[in-house]
């Protein structure tokens, strides 16, 4: 029997921490990425993602560890996992999803990297570049 694993992410800016998480999940079964919709990102993060849902989905589908991609809400539930046919949620140790612990595999986040940090650094670079002109 094939085991389906879900990894939820916004994937607004893909980095090596995401790849490591997907690789770990793929070692457990076929990875289905629950990709946060644009509307949910605006609602919960307060900004329009740099790339829209379809572009983020296309990028994720090109990663060898990803079996498929489905739209998702901000937080996942046991019902959502059941609805998309997944057995486990693999998430960084900052998980806030409302799933039973027997369906959750938490892995340490990659230290020193996050999409928010990359976004902050890029903004600083752009700001200092604009100040120089």
N, C-alpha and C. Protein backbone atom coordinates (compact mmCIF):
# COMPACT_ATOMS: atom_id res chain seq x y z
N UNK A 1 0.84 -1.19 0.00
CA UNK A 1 0.00 0.00 0.00
C UNK A 1 0.89 1.25 0.00
N UNK A 2 0.57 2.18 -0.85
CA UNK A 2 1.32 3.42 -0.94
C UNK A 2 0.96 4.31 0.24
N UNK A 3 1.98 4.88 0.86
CA UNK A 3 1.78 5.80 1.97
C UNK A 3 1.94 7.22 1.44
N UNK A 4 0.90 8.04 1.63
CA UNK A 4 0.94 9.43 1.20
C UNK A 4 1.26 10.33 2.38
N UNK A 5 2.20 11.22 2.16
CA UNK A 5 2.69 12.13 3.18
C UNK A 5 2.35 13.55 2.74
N UNK A 6 1.85 14.37 3.64
CA UNK A 6 1.57 15.76 3.29
C UNK A 6 2.60 16.66 3.97
N UNK A 7 3.06 17.64 3.21
CA UNK A 7 3.89 18.72 3.71
C UNK A 7 3.15 20.00 3.35
N UNK A 8 2.84 20.80 4.36
CA UNK A 8 2.14 22.05 4.05
C UNK A 8 3.15 23.19 4.01
N UNK A 9 2.96 24.05 3.06
CA UNK A 9 3.85 25.21 2.92
C UNK A 9 3.21 26.29 2.07
N UNK A 10 3.72 27.50 2.26
CA UNK A 10 3.31 28.62 1.41
C UNK A 10 4.22 28.71 0.20
N UNK A 11 5.50 28.35 0.38
CA UNK A 11 6.48 28.33 -0.71
C UNK A 11 6.53 29.66 -1.46
N UNK A 12 6.48 30.75 -0.70
CA UNK A 12 6.56 32.06 -1.34
C UNK A 12 7.98 32.32 -1.84
N UNK A 13 8.96 31.85 -1.09
CA UNK A 13 10.36 31.89 -1.51
C UNK A 13 10.95 30.52 -1.13
N UNK A 14 11.29 29.73 -2.13
CA UNK A 14 11.82 28.38 -1.89
C UNK A 14 13.30 28.48 -1.50
N UNK A 15 13.68 27.72 -0.47
CA UNK A 15 15.08 27.69 -0.04
C UNK A 15 15.46 26.27 0.37
N UNK A 16 16.73 26.09 0.73
CA UNK A 16 17.25 24.75 1.03
C UNK A 16 16.55 24.10 2.23
N UNK A 17 16.02 24.87 3.15
CA UNK A 17 15.26 24.29 4.26
C UNK A 17 14.02 23.56 3.76
N UNK A 18 13.34 24.16 2.76
CA UNK A 18 12.17 23.50 2.16
C UNK A 18 12.57 22.18 1.50
N UNK A 19 13.68 22.22 0.77
CA UNK A 19 14.13 21.02 0.06
C UNK A 19 14.47 19.91 1.06
N UNK A 20 15.13 20.25 2.15
CA UNK A 20 15.46 19.26 3.18
C UNK A 20 14.20 18.66 3.79
N UNK A 21 13.20 19.48 4.03
CA UNK A 21 11.93 19.00 4.58
C UNK A 21 11.25 18.05 3.59
N UNK A 22 11.21 18.44 2.32
CA UNK A 22 10.60 17.59 1.29
C UNK A 22 11.35 16.28 1.13
N UNK A 23 12.66 16.33 1.18
CA UNK A 23 13.48 15.12 1.06
C UNK A 23 13.20 14.17 2.22
N UNK A 24 13.12 14.71 3.43
CA UNK A 24 12.80 13.88 4.59
C UNK A 24 11.42 13.25 4.43
N UNK A 25 10.45 14.04 4.03
CA UNK A 25 9.10 13.53 3.84
C UNK A 25 9.07 12.43 2.78
N UNK A 26 9.84 12.61 1.69
CA UNK A 26 9.87 11.63 0.61
C UNK A 26 10.46 10.30 1.07
N UNK A 27 11.27 10.33 2.11
CA UNK A 27 11.82 9.08 2.64
C UNK A 27 10.74 8.26 3.35
N UNK A 28 9.59 8.89 3.63
CA UNK A 28 8.49 8.22 4.33
C UNK A 28 7.36 7.76 3.41
N UNK A 29 7.30 8.32 2.20
CA UNK A 29 6.24 7.97 1.25
C UNK A 29 6.14 9.00 0.14
N UNK A 30 5.04 8.95 -0.61
CA UNK A 30 4.82 9.92 -1.69
C UNK A 30 4.36 11.24 -1.10
N UNK A 31 5.02 12.31 -1.51
CA UNK A 31 4.77 13.63 -0.92
C UNK A 31 3.72 14.40 -1.70
N UNK A 32 2.71 14.78 -0.98
CA UNK A 32 1.66 15.66 -1.51
C UNK A 32 1.83 16.99 -0.78
N UNK A 33 2.16 18.04 -1.50
CA UNK A 33 2.32 19.35 -0.87
C UNK A 33 0.95 20.02 -0.78
N UNK A 34 0.60 20.41 0.43
CA UNK A 34 -0.60 21.22 0.66
C UNK A 34 -0.13 22.66 0.58
N UNK A 35 -0.39 23.29 -0.55
CA UNK A 35 0.12 24.63 -0.84
C UNK A 35 -0.92 25.68 -0.47
N UNK A 36 -0.51 26.56 0.42
CA UNK A 36 -1.41 27.62 0.89
C UNK A 36 -1.84 28.51 -0.28
N UNK A 37 -3.13 28.78 -0.35
CA UNK A 37 -3.65 29.63 -1.43
C UNK A 37 -3.23 31.08 -1.23
N UNK A 38 -3.27 31.84 -2.31
CA UNK A 38 -2.93 33.27 -2.25
C UNK A 38 -3.79 33.99 -1.21
N UNK A 39 -5.09 33.70 -1.21
CA UNK A 39 -6.02 34.37 -0.30
C UNK A 39 -5.65 34.11 1.16
N UNK A 40 -5.26 32.89 1.46
CA UNK A 40 -4.88 32.54 2.83
C UNK A 40 -3.58 33.23 3.24
N UNK A 41 -2.65 33.38 2.30
CA UNK A 41 -1.40 34.09 2.61
C UNK A 41 -1.70 35.55 2.92
N UNK A 42 -2.52 36.20 2.10
CA UNK A 42 -2.88 37.59 2.34
C UNK A 42 -3.56 37.71 3.71
N UNK A 43 -4.47 36.82 4.01
CA UNK A 43 -5.22 36.86 5.26
C UNK A 43 -4.32 36.65 6.48
N UNK A 44 -3.39 35.71 6.40
CA UNK A 44 -2.61 35.33 7.58
C UNK A 44 -1.21 35.93 7.65
N UNK A 45 -0.61 36.26 6.49
CA UNK A 45 0.72 36.86 6.51
C UNK A 45 0.67 38.36 6.21
N UNK A 46 -0.45 38.81 5.64
CA UNK A 46 -0.64 40.24 5.42
C UNK A 46 0.01 40.81 4.18
N UNK A 47 0.39 39.96 3.23
CA UNK A 47 0.95 40.48 1.99
C UNK A 47 0.59 39.56 0.83
N UNK A 48 0.62 40.13 -0.37
CA UNK A 48 0.39 39.35 -1.58
C UNK A 48 1.68 38.58 -1.88
N UNK A 49 1.62 37.26 -2.07
CA UNK A 49 2.85 36.52 -2.34
C UNK A 49 3.53 37.00 -3.63
N UNK A 50 4.87 36.90 -3.61
CA UNK A 50 5.67 37.34 -4.75
C UNK A 50 5.26 36.59 -6.02
N UNK A 51 4.96 35.33 -5.89
CA UNK A 51 4.47 34.50 -7.00
C UNK A 51 3.08 33.99 -6.64
N UNK A 52 2.20 33.93 -7.63
CA UNK A 52 0.86 33.44 -7.40
C UNK A 52 0.83 31.92 -7.19
N UNK A 53 -0.32 31.43 -6.78
CA UNK A 53 -0.48 30.01 -6.48
C UNK A 53 -0.01 29.12 -7.64
N UNK A 54 -0.44 29.39 -8.85
CA UNK A 54 -0.10 28.53 -9.99
C UNK A 54 1.41 28.51 -10.26
N UNK A 55 2.08 29.64 -10.09
CA UNK A 55 3.53 29.68 -10.29
C UNK A 55 4.25 28.90 -9.18
N UNK A 56 3.80 29.07 -7.93
CA UNK A 56 4.39 28.33 -6.81
C UNK A 56 4.15 26.83 -6.98
N UNK A 57 2.98 26.48 -7.45
CA UNK A 57 2.65 25.07 -7.69
C UNK A 57 3.57 24.49 -8.77
N UNK A 58 3.78 25.23 -9.85
CA UNK A 58 4.65 24.76 -10.94
C UNK A 58 6.08 24.49 -10.44
N UNK A 59 6.58 25.38 -9.61
CA UNK A 59 7.92 25.20 -9.05
C UNK A 59 7.97 23.95 -8.20
N UNK A 60 7.00 23.78 -7.32
CA UNK A 60 6.99 22.61 -6.45
C UNK A 60 6.87 21.31 -7.23
N UNK A 61 6.05 21.32 -8.27
CA UNK A 61 5.87 20.11 -9.08
C UNK A 61 7.16 19.70 -9.80
N UNK A 62 8.09 20.64 -9.95
CA UNK A 62 9.35 20.32 -10.63
C UNK A 62 10.39 19.73 -9.68
N UNK A 63 10.10 19.71 -8.39
CA UNK A 63 11.03 19.18 -7.40
C UNK A 63 10.84 17.67 -7.32
N UNK A 64 11.92 16.92 -7.42
CA UNK A 64 11.83 15.47 -7.53
C UNK A 64 11.20 14.79 -6.32
N UNK A 65 11.19 15.43 -5.17
CA UNK A 65 10.61 14.82 -3.97
C UNK A 65 9.09 14.98 -3.89
N UNK A 66 8.51 15.77 -4.80
CA UNK A 66 7.09 16.09 -4.75
C UNK A 66 6.31 15.23 -5.73
N UNK A 67 5.30 14.53 -5.21
CA UNK A 67 4.42 13.70 -6.04
C UNK A 67 3.32 14.56 -6.68
N UNK A 68 2.67 15.37 -5.85
CA UNK A 68 1.68 16.30 -6.38
C UNK A 68 1.44 17.44 -5.40
N UNK A 69 0.65 18.43 -5.84
CA UNK A 69 0.39 19.65 -5.08
C UNK A 69 -1.10 19.90 -5.08
N UNK A 70 -1.64 20.23 -3.89
CA UNK A 70 -3.06 20.54 -3.76
C UNK A 70 -3.22 21.86 -3.00
N UNK A 71 -4.28 22.62 -3.30
CA UNK A 71 -4.50 23.87 -2.56
C UNK A 71 -4.89 23.56 -1.12
N UNK A 72 -4.48 24.46 -0.22
CA UNK A 72 -4.81 24.22 1.18
C UNK A 72 -5.10 25.51 1.93
N UNK A 73 -5.81 25.36 3.05
CA UNK A 73 -6.00 26.50 3.95
C UNK A 73 -4.72 26.74 4.75
N UNK A 74 -4.73 27.78 5.57
CA UNK A 74 -3.57 28.13 6.38
C UNK A 74 -3.21 27.02 7.36
N UNK A 75 -4.20 26.52 8.08
CA UNK A 75 -3.97 25.45 9.05
C UNK A 75 -4.67 24.18 8.60
N UNK A 76 -3.99 23.06 8.78
CA UNK A 76 -4.55 21.77 8.38
C UNK A 76 -5.19 21.08 9.56
N UNK A 77 -6.15 20.21 9.25
CA UNK A 77 -6.85 19.42 10.26
C UNK A 77 -6.80 17.95 9.87
N UNK A 78 -7.19 17.09 10.79
CA UNK A 78 -7.28 15.67 10.48
C UNK A 78 -8.22 15.44 9.30
N UNK A 79 -9.32 16.19 9.26
CA UNK A 79 -10.29 16.04 8.16
C UNK A 79 -9.63 16.37 6.82
N UNK A 80 -8.84 17.45 6.78
CA UNK A 80 -8.17 17.82 5.54
C UNK A 80 -7.24 16.70 5.10
N UNK A 81 -6.45 16.16 6.02
CA UNK A 81 -5.54 15.06 5.68
C UNK A 81 -6.34 13.88 5.12
N UNK A 82 -7.44 13.56 5.75
CA UNK A 82 -8.29 12.46 5.29
C UNK A 82 -8.87 12.76 3.90
N UNK A 83 -9.33 13.99 3.71
CA UNK A 83 -9.94 14.38 2.43
C UNK A 83 -8.97 14.26 1.27
N UNK A 84 -7.67 14.53 1.51
CA UNK A 84 -6.68 14.44 0.42
C UNK A 84 -5.95 13.11 0.43
N UNK A 85 -6.37 12.19 1.29
CA UNK A 85 -5.84 10.84 1.30
C UNK A 85 -4.43 10.70 1.84
N UNK A 86 -4.08 11.51 2.83
CA UNK A 86 -2.74 11.45 3.40
C UNK A 86 -2.74 10.79 4.77
N UNK A 87 -1.65 10.11 5.06
CA UNK A 87 -1.52 9.37 6.32
C UNK A 87 -0.75 10.13 7.38
N UNK A 88 0.20 10.96 6.96
CA UNK A 88 1.05 11.71 7.89
C UNK A 88 1.26 13.13 7.41
N UNK A 89 1.42 14.03 8.38
CA UNK A 89 1.85 15.39 8.11
C UNK A 89 3.29 15.51 8.58
N UNK A 90 4.19 15.92 7.69
CA UNK A 90 5.58 16.19 8.06
C UNK A 90 5.72 17.71 8.09
N UNK A 91 6.20 18.21 9.22
CA UNK A 91 6.27 19.66 9.41
C UNK A 91 7.48 20.00 10.26
N UNK A 92 7.95 21.23 10.12
CA UNK A 92 9.00 21.73 11.00
C UNK A 92 8.50 21.74 12.44
N UNK A 93 9.43 21.86 13.38
CA UNK A 93 9.03 21.79 14.78
C UNK A 93 8.29 23.03 15.28
N UNK A 94 7.88 23.90 14.38
CA UNK A 94 7.04 25.05 14.72
C UNK A 94 5.57 24.78 14.35
N UNK A 95 5.20 23.51 14.22
CA UNK A 95 3.86 23.13 13.78
C UNK A 95 2.76 23.76 14.64
N UNK A 96 1.74 24.27 13.97
CA UNK A 96 0.54 24.79 14.65
C UNK A 96 -0.73 24.15 14.09
N UNK A 97 -0.57 23.20 13.19
CA UNK A 97 -1.73 22.53 12.60
C UNK A 97 -2.45 21.69 13.65
N UNK A 98 -3.76 21.56 13.45
CA UNK A 98 -4.59 20.83 14.40
C UNK A 98 -4.79 19.39 13.92
N UNK A 99 -3.72 18.59 14.03
CA UNK A 99 -3.79 17.18 13.66
C UNK A 99 -3.36 16.33 14.85
N UNK A 100 -3.89 15.11 14.91
CA UNK A 100 -3.52 14.20 16.00
C UNK A 100 -2.03 13.90 15.95
N UNK A 101 -1.43 13.76 17.11
CA UNK A 101 0.01 13.53 17.19
C UNK A 101 0.45 12.26 16.47
N UNK A 102 -0.44 11.25 16.40
CA UNK A 102 -0.04 10.01 15.70
C UNK A 102 0.04 10.21 14.18
N UNK A 103 -0.45 11.35 13.69
CA UNK A 103 -0.38 11.66 12.26
C UNK A 103 0.65 12.74 11.96
N UNK A 104 1.50 13.07 12.95
CA UNK A 104 2.42 14.18 12.82
C UNK A 104 3.86 13.74 13.01
N UNK A 105 4.71 14.11 12.06
CA UNK A 105 6.15 13.91 12.19
C UNK A 105 6.78 15.29 12.13
N UNK A 106 7.36 15.72 13.25
CA UNK A 106 8.00 17.03 13.29
C UNK A 106 9.51 16.86 13.14
N UNK A 107 10.09 17.70 12.31
CA UNK A 107 11.54 17.69 12.08
C UNK A 107 12.09 19.06 12.43
N UNK A 108 13.33 19.11 12.87
CA UNK A 108 13.92 20.42 13.19
C UNK A 108 13.98 21.31 11.96
N UNK A 109 13.72 22.58 12.18
CA UNK A 109 13.85 23.55 11.09
C UNK A 109 15.33 23.74 10.78
N UNK A 110 15.62 24.10 9.55
CA UNK A 110 17.00 24.40 9.16
C UNK A 110 17.37 25.75 9.77
N UNK A 111 18.39 25.75 10.59
CA UNK A 111 18.74 26.99 11.30
C UNK A 111 19.30 28.04 10.34
N UNK A 112 18.98 29.29 10.66
CA UNK A 112 19.54 30.42 9.93
C UNK A 112 18.87 30.74 8.61
N UNK A 113 17.75 30.07 8.31
CA UNK A 113 17.09 30.35 7.03
C UNK A 113 15.58 30.31 7.19
N UNK A 114 14.92 31.23 6.52
CA UNK A 114 13.46 31.24 6.42
C UNK A 114 13.11 32.17 5.27
N UNK A 115 11.94 31.98 4.73
CA UNK A 115 11.49 32.88 3.66
C UNK A 115 11.40 34.31 4.17
N UNK A 116 10.94 34.46 5.42
CA UNK A 116 10.83 35.80 6.01
C UNK A 116 12.19 36.45 6.10
N UNK A 117 13.22 35.69 6.49
CA UNK A 117 14.58 36.23 6.60
C UNK A 117 15.11 36.62 5.22
N UNK A 118 14.88 35.80 4.22
CA UNK A 118 15.32 36.13 2.85
C UNK A 118 14.61 37.40 2.38
N UNK A 119 13.31 37.49 2.64
CA UNK A 119 12.53 38.66 2.24
C UNK A 119 13.08 39.91 2.95
N UNK A 120 13.40 39.81 4.24
CA UNK A 120 13.93 40.93 5.00
C UNK A 120 15.28 41.39 4.42
N UNK A 121 16.17 40.42 4.16
CA UNK A 121 17.49 40.75 3.61
C UNK A 121 17.37 41.41 2.24
N UNK A 122 16.50 40.89 1.40
CA UNK A 122 16.30 41.46 0.06
C UNK A 122 15.78 42.89 0.17
N UNK A 123 14.89 43.13 1.11
CA UNK A 123 14.36 44.47 1.31
C UNK A 123 15.44 45.44 1.76
N UNK A 124 16.32 44.97 2.66
CA UNK A 124 17.44 45.81 3.12
C UNK A 124 18.39 46.14 1.96
N UNK A 125 18.68 45.15 1.15
CA UNK A 125 19.57 45.36 0.00
C UNK A 125 18.95 46.37 -0.96
N UNK A 126 17.67 46.21 -1.25
CA UNK A 126 16.98 47.12 -2.15
C UNK A 126 16.95 48.52 -1.56
N UNK A 127 16.68 48.60 -0.27
CA UNK A 127 16.62 49.90 0.39
C UNK A 127 17.98 50.60 0.36
N UNK A 128 19.07 49.87 0.67
CA UNK A 128 20.39 50.49 0.64
C UNK A 128 20.80 50.87 -0.78
N UNK A 129 20.36 50.10 -1.76
CA UNK A 129 20.65 50.40 -3.16
C UNK A 129 19.93 51.68 -3.57
N UNK A 130 18.69 51.84 -3.14
CA UNK A 130 17.93 53.06 -3.45
C UNK A 130 18.51 54.27 -2.74
N UNK A 131 19.04 54.07 -1.52
CA UNK A 131 19.65 55.18 -0.77
C UNK A 131 20.92 55.67 -1.46
N UNK A 132 21.63 54.76 -2.14
CA UNK A 132 22.90 55.11 -2.79
C UNK A 132 22.70 55.92 -4.07
N UNK A 133 21.49 55.87 -4.62
CA UNK A 133 21.26 56.58 -5.88
C UNK A 133 20.78 57.98 -5.69
